Amino acid sequence: MRTDRRQVERKARIASLSFFVALFAFWGWWYVASNYDYSALAGTYAFRGDGVTSKLVLKSDQTFHQQVTIDGRTSTADGTWHRSGEAGVNFSIEFLRVPGAKTFVEEFGKRYGSIEDNEFFGYFEKFLGIYPPLHLYRVGELQGPVFHKQLFR
């Protein structure tokens, strides 16, 4: 009788501990997956396609440094980036074009005549991951060029 009670108590402790471990793991994943703060998105992103490579360093102070290499010629740019909504992002006009990327005015036509019409824009896609890809918009297609976050620089 006594061993049955101990076994029941032991199983109850294991079940309780398992529940709290699962709850903590879910909370940790949710915090990472839903965090679109500048510091969470900052890092080095890489693009490679159509004979072009680009390295994009997003900094948490909302500035970026970009390097684009086309046919062995390298260009660099420094500018700013701003989040819009939960996962959207806009890059200042200094952003260097990569194949397939379109500016706001190229995507939607002339709207207001402001300098922001010439900005590139896109969105971060987070699903079960810490390292979200950065998608730039492209006219007439669901997905344009994709920059992938690098683990190591």
N, C-alpha and C. Protein backbone atom coordinates (compact mmCIF):
# COMPACT_ATOMS: atom_id res chain seq x y z
N MET A 1 0.82 -1.19 0.00
CA MET A 1 0.00 0.00 0.00
C MET A 1 0.87 1.26 0.00
N ARG A 2 1.92 1.18 0.79
CA ARG A 2 2.81 2.33 0.91
C ARG A 2 3.57 2.58 -0.40
N THR A 3 4.02 1.52 -1.06
CA THR A 3 4.73 1.68 -2.33
C THR A 3 3.81 2.19 -3.42
N ASP A 4 2.55 1.81 -3.41
CA ASP A 4 1.60 2.32 -4.40
C ASP A 4 1.45 3.83 -4.25
N ARG A 5 1.37 4.30 -3.02
CA ARG A 5 1.22 5.73 -2.76
C ARG A 5 2.48 6.48 -3.21
N ARG A 6 3.64 5.94 -2.95
CA ARG A 6 4.90 6.57 -3.38
C ARG A 6 4.99 6.62 -4.90
N GLN A 7 4.56 5.55 -5.55
CA GLN A 7 4.59 5.54 -7.02
C GLN A 7 3.64 6.59 -7.60
N VAL A 8 2.47 6.73 -7.00
CA VAL A 8 1.51 7.73 -7.46
C VAL A 8 2.08 9.14 -7.25
N GLU A 9 2.68 9.38 -6.08
CA GLU A 9 3.28 10.69 -5.80
C GLU A 9 4.44 10.97 -6.76
N ARG A 10 5.23 9.96 -7.03
CA ARG A 10 6.36 10.13 -7.95
C ARG A 10 5.86 10.46 -9.37
N LYS A 11 4.84 9.76 -9.83
CA LYS A 11 4.27 10.03 -11.15
C LYS A 11 3.67 11.43 -11.20
N ALA A 12 3.04 11.86 -10.12
CA ALA A 12 2.46 13.21 -10.07
C ALA A 12 3.56 14.27 -10.13
N ARG A 13 4.67 14.05 -9.44
CA ARG A 13 5.80 15.00 -9.48
C ARG A 13 6.39 15.05 -10.89
N ILE A 14 6.56 13.92 -11.52
CA ILE A 14 7.11 13.86 -12.88
C ILE A 14 6.17 14.57 -13.86
N ALA A 15 4.87 14.34 -13.72
CA ALA A 15 3.89 14.99 -14.59
C ALA A 15 3.91 16.50 -14.40
N SER A 16 3.98 16.95 -13.15
CA SER A 16 4.04 18.39 -12.86
C SER A 16 5.30 19.01 -13.42
N LEU A 17 6.42 18.37 -13.22
CA LEU A 17 7.70 18.87 -13.73
C LEU A 17 7.68 18.92 -15.26
N SER A 18 7.14 17.88 -15.88
CA SER A 18 7.05 17.84 -17.35
C SER A 18 6.19 18.98 -17.86
N PHE A 19 5.09 19.24 -17.19
CA PHE A 19 4.21 20.33 -17.60
C PHE A 19 4.93 21.67 -17.54
N PHE A 20 5.64 21.93 -16.44
CA PHE A 20 6.32 23.21 -16.30
C PHE A 20 7.50 23.34 -17.26
N VAL A 21 8.20 22.26 -17.54
CA VAL A 21 9.28 22.30 -18.53
C VAL A 21 8.72 22.61 -19.91
N ALA A 22 7.61 21.96 -20.28
CA ALA A 22 6.98 22.22 -21.57
C ALA A 22 6.46 23.66 -21.65
N LEU A 23 5.88 24.15 -20.58
CA LEU A 23 5.38 25.53 -20.53
C LEU A 23 6.54 26.52 -20.68
N PHE A 24 7.63 26.30 -19.99
CA PHE A 24 8.80 27.17 -20.10
C PHE A 24 9.40 27.12 -21.50
N ALA A 25 9.48 25.93 -22.08
CA ALA A 25 10.02 25.80 -23.45
C ALA A 25 9.13 26.55 -24.44
N PHE A 26 7.81 26.43 -24.31
CA PHE A 26 6.90 27.14 -25.19
C PHE A 26 7.06 28.64 -25.02
N TRP A 27 7.13 29.11 -23.78
CA TRP A 27 7.30 30.53 -23.52
C TRP A 27 8.60 31.03 -24.14
N GLY A 28 9.69 30.29 -24.01
CA GLY A 28 10.98 30.68 -24.60
C GLY A 28 10.90 30.75 -26.11
N TRP A 29 10.31 29.75 -26.73
CA TRP A 29 10.15 29.78 -28.19
C TRP A 29 9.29 30.97 -28.61
N TRP A 30 8.18 31.21 -27.92
CA TRP A 30 7.28 32.31 -28.27
C TRP A 30 8.00 33.64 -28.17
N TYR A 31 8.80 33.83 -27.14
CA TYR A 31 9.53 35.09 -26.98
C TYR A 31 10.47 35.32 -28.16
N VAL A 32 11.19 34.30 -28.56
CA VAL A 32 12.13 34.44 -29.67
C VAL A 32 11.40 34.60 -30.99
N ALA A 33 10.39 33.78 -31.24
CA ALA A 33 9.69 33.79 -32.53
C ALA A 33 8.87 35.05 -32.75
N SER A 34 8.39 35.69 -31.71
CA SER A 34 7.55 36.86 -31.88
C SER A 34 8.30 38.17 -31.66
N ASN A 35 9.60 38.11 -31.44
CA ASN A 35 10.38 39.33 -31.18
C ASN A 35 10.89 39.91 -32.50
N TYR A 36 10.33 41.04 -32.90
CA TYR A 36 10.76 41.73 -34.11
C TYR A 36 11.43 43.06 -33.76
N ASP A 37 12.01 43.14 -32.59
CA ASP A 37 12.72 44.34 -32.17
C ASP A 37 13.95 44.56 -33.05
N TYR A 38 14.41 45.79 -33.14
CA TYR A 38 15.59 46.08 -33.96
C TYR A 38 16.79 45.22 -33.56
N SER A 39 16.99 45.06 -32.26
CA SER A 39 18.15 44.26 -31.82
C SER A 39 17.98 42.78 -32.17
N ALA A 40 16.74 42.29 -32.22
CA ALA A 40 16.51 40.88 -32.57
C ALA A 40 16.73 40.64 -34.06
N LEU A 41 16.47 41.65 -34.89
CA LEU A 41 16.63 41.51 -36.33
C LEU A 41 18.01 41.92 -36.82
N ALA A 42 18.76 42.62 -35.99
CA ALA A 42 20.10 43.06 -36.38
C ALA A 42 20.98 41.84 -36.63
N GLY A 43 21.91 42.00 -37.56
CA GLY A 43 22.84 40.92 -37.88
C GLY A 43 23.27 41.02 -39.33
N THR A 44 23.99 40.01 -39.77
CA THR A 44 24.51 39.97 -41.13
C THR A 44 23.64 39.06 -41.98
N TYR A 45 23.20 39.57 -43.11
CA TYR A 45 22.35 38.84 -44.05
C TYR A 45 23.08 38.74 -45.38
N ALA A 46 22.89 37.63 -46.07
CA ALA A 46 23.58 37.41 -47.35
C ALA A 46 22.58 37.06 -48.44
N PHE A 47 22.86 37.58 -49.64
CA PHE A 47 22.08 37.26 -50.83
C PHE A 47 23.05 36.78 -51.90
N ARG A 48 22.61 35.77 -52.66
CA ARG A 48 23.39 35.26 -53.79
C ARG A 48 22.42 34.82 -54.86
N GLY A 49 22.56 35.40 -56.06
CA GLY A 49 21.69 35.02 -57.16
C GLY A 49 21.94 35.84 -58.39
N ASP A 50 21.73 35.25 -59.55
CA ASP A 50 21.90 35.92 -60.84
C ASP A 50 23.27 36.58 -60.98
N GLY A 51 24.31 35.92 -60.50
CA GLY A 51 25.67 36.44 -60.62
C GLY A 51 25.99 37.59 -59.67
N VAL A 52 25.13 37.80 -58.69
CA VAL A 52 25.31 38.91 -57.74
C VAL A 52 25.39 38.35 -56.33
N THR A 53 26.31 38.90 -55.53
CA THR A 53 26.35 38.58 -54.11
C THR A 53 26.21 39.89 -53.35
N SER A 54 25.55 39.81 -52.21
CA SER A 54 25.36 40.99 -51.38
C SER A 54 25.45 40.60 -49.92
N LYS A 55 26.14 41.41 -49.17
CA LYS A 55 26.23 41.24 -47.72
C LYS A 55 25.59 42.49 -47.11
N LEU A 56 24.61 42.29 -46.26
CA LEU A 56 23.85 43.37 -45.66
C LEU A 56 23.97 43.25 -44.14
N VAL A 57 24.55 44.26 -43.52
CA VAL A 57 24.70 44.27 -42.06
C VAL A 57 23.69 45.25 -41.49
N LEU A 58 22.69 44.72 -40.80
CA LEU A 58 21.69 45.54 -40.13
C LEU A 58 22.13 45.76 -38.69
N LYS A 59 22.16 47.00 -38.28
CA LYS A 59 22.59 47.34 -36.92
C LYS A 59 21.38 47.74 -36.10
N SER A 60 21.44 47.51 -34.80
CA SER A 60 20.30 47.78 -33.93
C SER A 60 20.02 49.28 -33.79
N ASP A 61 20.96 50.13 -34.20
CA ASP A 61 20.72 51.58 -34.16
C ASP A 61 19.99 52.06 -35.41
N GLN A 62 19.43 51.15 -36.18
CA GLN A 62 18.63 51.38 -37.37
C GLN A 62 19.45 51.88 -38.56
N THR A 63 20.73 51.54 -38.59
CA THR A 63 21.56 51.83 -39.75
C THR A 63 21.97 50.50 -40.39
N PHE A 64 22.39 50.58 -41.66
CA PHE A 64 22.87 49.38 -42.33
C PHE A 64 24.12 49.70 -43.13
N HIS A 65 24.87 48.66 -43.40
CA HIS A 65 26.01 48.72 -44.31
C HIS A 65 25.81 47.58 -45.31
N GLN A 66 25.90 47.90 -46.59
CA GLN A 66 25.66 46.90 -47.63
C GLN A 66 26.84 46.86 -48.59
N GLN A 67 27.15 45.65 -49.00
CA GLN A 67 28.19 45.43 -50.00
C GLN A 67 27.61 44.55 -51.09
N VAL A 68 27.69 45.01 -52.35
CA VAL A 68 27.16 44.25 -53.49
C VAL A 68 28.29 44.04 -54.49
N THR A 69 28.44 42.78 -54.93
CA THR A 69 29.46 42.45 -55.93
C THR A 69 28.77 41.92 -57.17
N ILE A 70 29.01 42.62 -58.30
CA ILE A 70 28.45 42.23 -59.60
C ILE A 70 29.61 42.14 -60.58
N ASP A 71 29.80 40.97 -61.19
CA ASP A 71 30.87 40.77 -62.17
C ASP A 71 32.23 41.22 -61.64
N GLY A 72 32.51 40.92 -60.39
CA GLY A 72 33.81 41.25 -59.80
C GLY A 72 33.96 42.68 -59.32
N ARG A 73 32.96 43.53 -59.57
CA ARG A 73 33.01 44.92 -59.10
C ARG A 73 32.17 45.04 -57.83
N THR A 74 32.77 45.62 -56.79
CA THR A 74 32.11 45.73 -55.50
C THR A 74 31.72 47.18 -55.23
N SER A 75 30.48 47.37 -54.80
CA SER A 75 29.97 48.68 -54.38
C SER A 75 29.51 48.56 -52.94
N THR A 76 29.62 49.66 -52.19
CA THR A 76 29.16 49.66 -50.81
C THR A 76 28.21 50.84 -50.59
N ALA A 77 27.37 50.70 -49.59
CA ALA A 77 26.43 51.76 -49.23
C ALA A 77 26.14 51.70 -47.74
N ASP A 78 25.84 52.85 -47.19
CA ASP A 78 25.41 52.97 -45.80
C ASP A 78 24.12 53.77 -45.78
N GLY A 79 23.16 53.31 -44.99
CA GLY A 79 21.88 53.99 -44.91
C GLY A 79 21.14 53.61 -43.65
N THR A 80 19.83 53.80 -43.68
CA THR A 80 19.00 53.48 -42.52
C THR A 80 17.92 52.47 -42.89
N TRP A 81 17.42 51.78 -41.89
CA TRP A 81 16.31 50.85 -42.07
C TRP A 81 15.31 51.06 -40.95
N HIS A 82 14.04 50.88 -41.29
CA HIS A 82 12.97 51.10 -40.32
C HIS A 82 11.95 49.99 -40.43
N ARG A 83 11.52 49.51 -39.28
CA ARG A 83 10.45 48.52 -39.26
C ARG A 83 9.13 49.21 -39.52
N SER A 84 8.23 48.50 -40.18
CA SER A 84 6.87 48.99 -40.37
C SER A 84 5.93 47.84 -40.05
N GLY A 85 5.03 48.07 -39.13
CA GLY A 85 4.17 46.99 -38.67
C GLY A 85 4.97 45.98 -37.87
N GLU A 86 4.51 44.75 -37.86
CA GLU A 86 5.20 43.73 -37.06
C GLU A 86 6.47 43.24 -37.73
N ALA A 87 6.43 42.93 -39.01
CA ALA A 87 7.58 42.32 -39.66
C ALA A 87 8.07 43.08 -40.89
N GLY A 88 7.41 44.17 -41.25
CA GLY A 88 7.81 44.93 -42.43
C GLY A 88 9.08 45.72 -42.20
N VAL A 89 9.76 46.05 -43.29
CA VAL A 89 10.99 46.82 -43.20
C VAL A 89 11.13 47.69 -44.45
N ASN A 90 11.62 48.91 -44.25
CA ASN A 90 11.92 49.84 -45.34
C ASN A 90 13.38 50.21 -45.26
N PHE A 91 14.03 50.29 -46.41
CA PHE A 91 15.42 50.71 -46.48
C PHE A 91 15.51 52.07 -47.15
N SER A 92 16.40 52.93 -46.67
CA SER A 92 16.56 54.25 -47.26
C SER A 92 17.07 54.14 -48.69
N ILE A 93 17.05 55.26 -49.40
CA ILE A 93 17.38 55.25 -50.83
C ILE A 93 18.82 54.86 -51.11
N GLU A 94 19.67 54.79 -50.10
CA GLU A 94 21.06 54.37 -50.31
C GLU A 94 21.18 52.86 -50.57
N PHE A 95 20.15 52.11 -50.27
CA PHE A 95 20.17 50.65 -50.46
C PHE A 95 20.49 50.33 -51.92
N LEU A 96 21.41 49.41 -52.12
CA LEU A 96 21.83 49.03 -53.48
C LEU A 96 20.92 47.93 -54.02
N ARG A 97 20.52 48.08 -55.26
CA ARG A 97 19.61 47.13 -55.89
C ARG A 97 20.26 45.76 -56.05
N VAL A 98 19.46 44.73 -55.79
CA VAL A 98 19.84 43.36 -56.11
C VAL A 98 18.80 42.86 -57.11
N PRO A 99 19.14 41.86 -57.92
CA PRO A 99 18.21 41.39 -58.96
C PRO A 99 16.85 41.01 -58.40
N GLY A 100 15.82 41.58 -59.00
CA GLY A 100 14.45 41.27 -58.62
C GLY A 100 13.83 42.22 -57.62
N ALA A 101 14.62 43.02 -56.93
CA ALA A 101 14.07 43.95 -55.94
C ALA A 101 13.45 45.16 -56.63
N LYS A 102 12.35 45.62 -56.11
CA LYS A 102 11.65 46.77 -56.67
C LYS A 102 11.43 47.81 -55.57
N THR A 103 11.48 49.09 -55.96
CA THR A 103 11.20 50.16 -55.01
C THR A 103 9.69 50.33 -54.88
N PHE A 104 9.30 51.15 -53.93
CA PHE A 104 7.87 51.41 -53.71
C PHE A 104 7.21 51.94 -54.97
N VAL A 105 7.83 52.92 -55.62
CA VAL A 105 7.23 53.52 -56.81
C VAL A 105 7.18 52.52 -57.97
N GLU A 106 8.15 51.62 -58.05
CA GLU A 106 8.12 50.59 -59.09
C GLU A 106 7.02 49.57 -58.81
N GLU A 107 6.74 49.34 -57.56
CA GLU A 107 5.71 48.37 -57.18
C GLU A 107 4.31 48.95 -57.33
N PHE A 108 4.11 50.18 -56.87
CA PHE A 108 2.76 50.73 -56.80
C PHE A 108 2.53 51.96 -57.67
N GLY A 109 3.55 52.45 -58.35
CA GLY A 109 3.40 53.66 -59.15
C GLY A 109 3.60 54.90 -58.30
N LYS A 110 3.68 56.02 -58.96
CA LYS A 110 3.92 57.29 -58.27
C LYS A 110 2.72 57.61 -57.39
N ARG A 111 2.98 57.86 -56.11
CA ARG A 111 1.89 58.15 -55.18
C ARG A 111 1.91 59.61 -54.73
N TYR A 112 2.92 59.95 -53.96
CA TYR A 112 2.93 61.26 -53.32
C TYR A 112 4.12 62.12 -53.75
N GLY A 113 5.07 61.54 -54.47
CA GLY A 113 6.22 62.30 -54.89
C GLY A 113 7.25 62.50 -53.79
N SER A 114 7.17 61.71 -52.73
CA SER A 114 8.14 61.85 -51.64
C SER A 114 9.35 60.96 -51.90
N ILE A 115 10.43 61.25 -51.20
CA ILE A 115 11.66 60.49 -51.38
C ILE A 115 11.47 59.02 -50.98
N GLU A 116 10.53 58.76 -50.06
CA GLU A 116 10.27 57.39 -49.62
C GLU A 116 9.75 56.52 -50.76
N ASP A 117 9.23 57.13 -51.82
CA ASP A 117 8.75 56.35 -52.96
C ASP A 117 9.88 55.56 -53.62
N ASN A 118 11.11 56.00 -53.43
CA ASN A 118 12.25 55.33 -54.05
C ASN A 118 12.95 54.35 -53.11
N GLU A 119 12.34 54.05 -51.97
CA GLU A 119 12.92 53.11 -51.02
C GLU A 119 12.57 51.68 -51.41
N PHE A 120 13.46 50.77 -51.02
CA PHE A 120 13.18 49.33 -51.13
C PHE A 120 12.51 48.89 -49.84
N PHE A 121 11.65 47.91 -49.94
CA PHE A 121 10.95 47.45 -48.76
C PHE A 121 10.72 45.95 -48.84
N GLY A 122 10.44 45.36 -47.71
CA GLY A 122 10.22 43.92 -47.64
C GLY A 122 9.69 43.53 -46.28
N TYR A 123 9.96 42.28 -45.90
CA TYR A 123 9.47 41.79 -44.62
C TYR A 123 10.36 40.65 -44.13
N PHE A 124 10.38 40.50 -42.81
CA PHE A 124 11.07 39.38 -42.17
C PHE A 124 10.06 38.26 -41.96
N GLU A 125 10.50 37.03 -42.18
CA GLU A 125 9.61 35.88 -42.00
C GLU A 125 10.18 35.00 -40.89
N LYS A 126 9.45 34.95 -39.78
CA LYS A 126 9.88 34.12 -38.67
C LYS A 126 8.87 33.00 -38.46
N PHE A 127 9.34 31.78 -38.49
CA PHE A 127 8.49 30.65 -38.16
C PHE A 127 9.39 29.58 -37.55
N LEU A 128 9.24 29.35 -36.28
CA LEU A 128 10.02 28.36 -35.54
C LEU A 128 11.53 28.63 -35.61
N GLY A 129 11.91 29.82 -35.96
CA GLY A 129 13.35 30.03 -36.12
C GLY A 129 13.83 31.31 -35.50
N ILE A 130 15.08 31.29 -35.16
CA ILE A 130 15.74 32.45 -34.60
C ILE A 130 16.32 33.30 -35.73
N TYR A 131 16.67 32.69 -36.84
CA TYR A 131 17.34 33.38 -37.93
C TYR A 131 16.38 33.58 -39.10
N PRO A 132 15.65 34.70 -39.09
CA PRO A 132 14.63 34.90 -40.11
C PRO A 132 15.21 35.33 -41.45
N PRO A 133 14.64 34.85 -42.54
CA PRO A 133 15.03 35.37 -43.85
C PRO A 133 14.39 36.75 -44.06
N LEU A 134 15.04 37.57 -44.85
CA LEU A 134 14.55 38.89 -45.21
C LEU A 134 14.13 38.85 -46.67
N HIS A 135 12.84 39.04 -46.93
CA HIS A 135 12.29 39.00 -48.29
C HIS A 135 12.10 40.43 -48.77
N LEU A 136 12.61 40.74 -49.95
CA LEU A 136 12.33 42.03 -50.58
C LEU A 136 11.17 41.82 -51.55
N TYR A 137 10.35 42.85 -51.70
CA TYR A 137 9.21 42.74 -52.60
C TYR A 137 9.65 42.82 -54.05
N ARG A 138 8.82 42.22 -54.89
CA ARG A 138 9.09 42.15 -56.33
C ARG A 138 7.77 42.34 -57.07
N VAL A 139 7.79 43.12 -58.11
CA VAL A 139 6.57 43.41 -58.86
C VAL A 139 6.01 42.13 -59.47
N GLY A 140 4.72 41.92 -59.30
CA GLY A 140 4.02 40.83 -59.95
C GLY A 140 4.30 39.44 -59.40
N GLU A 141 5.06 39.32 -58.35
CA GLU A 141 5.37 38.01 -57.78
C GLU A 141 5.23 38.08 -56.27
N LEU A 142 4.97 36.94 -55.69
CA LEU A 142 4.82 36.90 -54.24
C LEU A 142 6.14 37.12 -53.52
N GLN A 143 7.22 36.65 -54.10
CA GLN A 143 8.49 36.71 -53.38
C GLN A 143 9.59 37.19 -54.31
N GLY A 144 10.32 38.16 -53.84
CA GLY A 144 11.48 38.67 -54.56
C GLY A 144 12.75 38.06 -53.99
N PRO A 145 13.84 38.79 -54.09
CA PRO A 145 15.11 38.27 -53.56
C PRO A 145 15.04 38.04 -52.06
N VAL A 146 15.79 37.05 -51.59
CA VAL A 146 15.78 36.69 -50.18
C VAL A 146 17.19 36.79 -49.62
N PHE A 147 17.34 37.52 -48.53
CA PHE A 147 18.59 37.58 -47.78
C PHE A 147 18.46 36.63 -46.61
N HIS A 148 19.47 35.80 -46.39
CA HIS A 148 19.45 34.85 -45.28
C HIS A 148 20.40 35.32 -44.19
N LYS A 149 19.92 35.27 -42.95
CA LYS A 149 20.75 35.69 -41.82
C LYS A 149 21.87 34.67 -41.62
N GLN A 150 23.08 35.17 -41.43
CA GLN A 150 24.23 34.31 -41.23
C GLN A 150 24.48 34.08 -39.75
N LEU A 151 24.87 32.87 -39.44
CA LEU A 151 25.20 32.56 -38.06
C LEU A 151 26.54 33.15 -37.66
N PHE A 152 27.48 33.10 -38.59
CA PHE A 152 28.83 33.60 -38.32
C PHE A 152 29.20 34.59 -39.40
N ARG A 153 29.94 35.61 -39.05
CA ARG A 153 30.32 36.64 -40.02
C ARG A 153 31.48 36.24 -40.85
